[in-house]
Amino acid sequence: MNAVRDRRCFHHPPREAVARCPECRRFFCRECAMEHAGRLLCADCIARTSAAGAALRSPPPWGLPLRLLGGLVGLWFLFYVFGRVLLVLPTAFHEGDLAASPMEAFEP
């Protein structure tokens, strides 16, 4: 079984390898191996995982129009409920008589 110390860096053959990338299984020197998310990876694998992660995080193109439509529907519902509440209130409230005698407006 070959030890890591007997291996050479993939990018720098004269240098001794200090780590093996778990993704691509190649050996790398201290300059080529980097820590990413708690693991030692090579620069190529870090770039590949970062590009894949960025593609997963990008929002869908229909996200903003759906949010705007949801906001408009929410505002319509709010104004609808507010209008229904105004319709249920007694007539005295709308005419301004409620402030003068609040108990008379609610008596049958």
C-alpha atoms as a PDB file:
ATOM      1  CA  MET A   1       0.000   0.000   0.000  1.00  0.00           C
ATOM      2  CA  ASN A   2       1.423   3.357  -1.032  1.00  0.00           C
ATOM      3  CA  ALA A   3       1.507   6.018   1.667  1.00  0.00           C
ATOM      4  CA  VAL A   4       0.679   9.652   0.980  1.00  0.00           C
ATOM      5  CA  ARG A   5       4.300  10.632   1.565  1.00  0.00           C
ATOM      6  CA  ASP A   6       5.381   8.507  -1.386  1.00  0.00           C
ATOM      7  CA  ARG A   7       3.000  10.361  -3.714  1.00  0.00           C
ATOM      8  CA  ARG A   8       3.567  13.601  -5.608  1.00  0.00           C
ATOM      9  CA  CYS A   9       1.268  16.568  -6.173  1.00  0.00           C
ATOM     10  CA  PHE A  10      -0.992  16.312  -9.227  1.00  0.00           C
ATOM     11  CA  HIS A  11      -0.259  19.922 -10.291  1.00  0.00           C
ATOM     12  CA  HIS A  12       3.335  20.170  -8.978  1.00  0.00           C
ATOM     13  CA  PRO A  13       5.118  16.826  -9.592  1.00  0.00           C
ATOM     14  CA  PRO A  14       8.368  17.817  -7.828  1.00  0.00           C
ATOM     15  CA  ARG A  15       6.472  18.483  -4.576  1.00  0.00           C
ATOM     16  CA  GLU A  16       5.483  15.867  -2.034  1.00  0.00           C
ATOM     17  CA  ALA A  17       1.746  15.303  -1.593  1.00  0.00           C
ATOM     18  CA  VAL A  18       0.240  16.033   1.812  1.00  0.00           C
ATOM     19  CA  ALA A  19      -3.426  15.249   1.164  1.00  0.00           C
ATOM     20  CA  ARG A  20      -5.743  13.301  -1.076  1.00  0.00           C
ATOM     21  CA  CYS A  21      -8.905  14.914  -2.370  1.00  0.00           C
ATOM     22  CA  PRO A  22     -11.903  12.765  -1.380  1.00  0.00           C
ATOM     23  CA  GLU A  23     -13.844  13.890  -4.470  1.00  0.00           C
ATOM     24  CA  CYS A  24     -11.426  13.245  -7.338  1.00  0.00           C
ATOM     25  CA  ARG A  25      -9.071  10.912  -5.393  1.00  0.00           C
ATOM     26  CA  ARG A  26      -5.911  12.765  -6.557  1.00  0.00           C
ATOM     27  CA  PHE A  27      -2.963  13.750  -4.370  1.00  0.00           C
ATOM     28  CA  PHE A  28      -2.044  17.400  -3.751  1.00  0.00           C
ATOM     29  CA  CYS A  29       0.634  19.510  -2.048  1.00  0.00           C
ATOM     30  CA  ARG A  30      -0.004  22.114   0.673  1.00  0.00           C
ATOM     31  CA  GLU A  31      -0.649  24.884  -1.827  1.00  0.00           C
ATOM     32  CA  CYS A  32      -3.200  22.922  -3.829  1.00  0.00           C
ATOM     33  CA  ALA A  33      -5.216  21.370  -0.985  1.00  0.00           C
ATOM     34  CA  MET A  34      -7.717  23.688   0.718  1.00  0.00           C
ATOM     35  CA  GLU A  35     -10.218  23.248   3.511  1.00  0.00           C
ATOM     36  CA  HIS A  36     -13.824  23.606   2.449  1.00  0.00           C
ATOM     37  CA  ALA A  37     -16.815  22.679   4.635  1.00  0.00           C
ATOM     38  CA  GLY A  38     -14.574  20.796   7.050  1.00  0.00           C
ATOM     39  CA  ARG A  39     -12.828  18.718   4.355  1.00  0.00           C
ATOM     40  CA  LEU A  40      -9.582  19.047   2.424  1.00  0.00           C
ATOM     41  CA  LEU A  41     -10.442  19.447  -1.269  1.00  0.00           C
ATOM     42  CA  CYS A  42      -8.537  20.472  -4.373  1.00  0.00           C
ATOM     43  CA  ALA A  43      -9.279  23.781  -6.096  1.00  0.00           C
ATOM     44  CA  ASP A  44     -11.008  22.053  -9.028  1.00  0.00           C
ATOM     45  CA  CYS A  45     -13.431  20.175  -6.766  1.00  0.00           C
ATOM     46  CA  ILE A  46     -14.147  23.313  -4.718  1.00  0.00           C
ATOM     47  CA  ALA A  47     -14.968  25.218  -7.904  1.00  0.00           C
ATOM     48  CA  ARG A  48     -17.166  22.354  -9.102  1.00  0.00           C
ATOM     49  CA  THR A  49     -19.101  22.107  -5.814  1.00  0.00           C
ATOM     50  CA  SER A  50     -19.442  25.909  -5.576  1.00  0.00           C
ATOM     51  CA  ALA A  51     -20.844  26.107  -9.106  1.00  0.00           C
ATOM     52  CA  ALA A  52     -23.292  23.285  -8.362  1.00  0.00           C
ATOM     53  CA  GLY A  53     -24.350  24.981  -5.119  1.00  0.00           C
ATOM     54  CA  ALA A  54     -24.843  28.321  -6.868  1.00  0.00           C
ATOM     55  CA  ALA A  55     -27.035  26.666  -9.486  1.00  0.00           C
ATOM     56  CA  LEU A  56     -29.191  25.174  -6.723  1.00  0.00           C
ATOM     57  CA  ARG A  57     -29.503  28.504  -4.892  1.00  0.00           C
ATOM     58  CA  SER A  58     -30.497  30.607  -7.903  1.00  0.00           C
ATOM     59  CA  PRO A  59     -34.146  31.663  -7.655  1.00  0.00           C
ATOM     60  CA  PRO A  60     -36.566  30.561 -10.364  1.00  0.00           C
ATOM     61  CA  PRO A  61     -37.418  33.202 -12.996  1.00  0.00           C
ATOM     62  CA  TRP A  62     -41.113  33.130 -12.100  1.00  0.00           C
ATOM     63  CA  GLY A  63     -40.484  33.870  -8.384  1.00  0.00           C
ATOM     64  CA  LEU A  64     -40.934  37.648  -8.535  1.00  0.00           C
ATOM     65  CA  PRO A  65     -44.141  37.640 -10.639  1.00  0.00           C
ATOM     66  CA  LEU A  66     -45.669  35.038  -8.326  1.00  0.00           C
ATOM     67  CA  ARG A  67     -44.800  37.133  -5.272  1.00  0.00           C
ATOM     68  CA  LEU A  68     -46.330  40.222  -6.868  1.00  0.00           C
ATOM     69  CA  LEU A  69     -49.482  38.312  -7.772  1.00  0.00           C
ATOM     70  CA  GLY A  70     -49.691  36.902  -4.243  1.00  0.00           C
ATOM     71  CA  GLY A  71     -49.320  40.405  -2.820  1.00  0.00           C
ATOM     72  CA  LEU A  72     -52.094  41.735  -5.030  1.00  0.00           C
ATOM     73  CA  VAL A  73     -54.412  38.880  -4.080  1.00  0.00           C
ATOM     74  CA  GLY A  74     -53.598  39.483  -0.412  1.00  0.00           C
ATOM     75  CA  LEU A  75     -54.361  43.206  -0.704  1.00  0.00           C
ATOM     76  CA  TRP A  76     -57.624  42.475  -2.531  1.00  0.00           C
ATOM     77  CA  PHE A  77     -58.651  40.074   0.230  1.00  0.00           C
ATOM     78  CA  LEU A  78     -57.758  42.655   2.911  1.00  0.00           C
ATOM     79  CA  PHE A  79     -59.876  45.349   1.246  1.00  0.00           C
ATOM     80  CA  TYR A  80     -62.716  42.867   0.672  1.00  0.00           C
ATOM     81  CA  VAL A  81     -62.822  41.959   4.358  1.00  0.00           C
ATOM     82  CA  PHE A  82     -62.619  45.639   5.321  1.00  0.00           C
ATOM     83  CA  GLY A  83     -65.583  46.413   3.021  1.00  0.00           C
ATOM     84  CA  ARG A  84     -67.608  43.538   4.498  1.00  0.00           C
ATOM     85  CA  VAL A  85     -66.940  44.870   8.001  1.00  0.00           C
ATOM     86  CA  LEU A  86     -68.126  48.333   6.943  1.00  0.00           C
ATOM     87  CA  LEU A  87     -71.328  46.805   5.540  1.00  0.00           C
ATOM     88  CA  VAL A  88     -72.079  45.037   8.827  1.00  0.00           C
ATOM     89  CA  LEU A  89     -71.728  48.198  10.935  1.00  0.00           C
ATOM     90  CA  PRO A  90     -74.993  49.954  11.863  1.00  0.00           C
ATOM     91  CA  THR A  91     -76.228  52.911   9.825  1.00  0.00           C
ATOM     92  CA  ALA A  92     -75.788  55.266  12.758  1.00  0.00           C
ATOM     93  CA  PHE A  93     -72.048  54.632  12.626  1.00  0.00           C
ATOM     94  CA  HIS A  94     -71.900  55.808   9.020  1.00  0.00           C
ATOM     95  CA  GLU A  95     -74.057  58.889   9.611  1.00  0.00           C
ATOM     96  CA  GLY A  96     -72.014  60.155  12.527  1.00  0.00           C
ATOM     97  CA  ASP A  97     -74.740  59.759  15.171  1.00  0.00           C
ATOM     98  CA  LEU A  98     -72.783  57.085  17.019  1.00  0.00           C
ATOM     99  CA  ALA A  99     -70.477  59.616  18.681  1.00  0.00           C
ATOM    100  CA  ALA A 100     -73.417  61.481  20.217  1.00  0.00           C
ATOM    101  CA  SER A 101     -75.172  58.456  21.709  1.00  0.00           C
ATOM    102  CA  PRO A 102     -73.229  55.195  21.316  1.00  0.00           C
ATOM    103  CA  MET A 103     -75.779  52.968  23.086  1.00  0.00           C
ATOM    104  CA  GLU A 104     -78.760  54.117  20.998  1.00  0.00           C
ATOM    105  CA  ALA A 105     -77.150  52.970  17.746  1.00  0.00           C
ATOM    106  CA  PHE A 106     -76.976  49.343  18.865  1.00  0.00           C
ATOM    107  CA  GLU A 107     -80.455  49.131  20.467  1.00  0.00           C
ATOM    108  CA  PRO A 108     -83.103  47.296  18.427  1.00  0.00           C
END
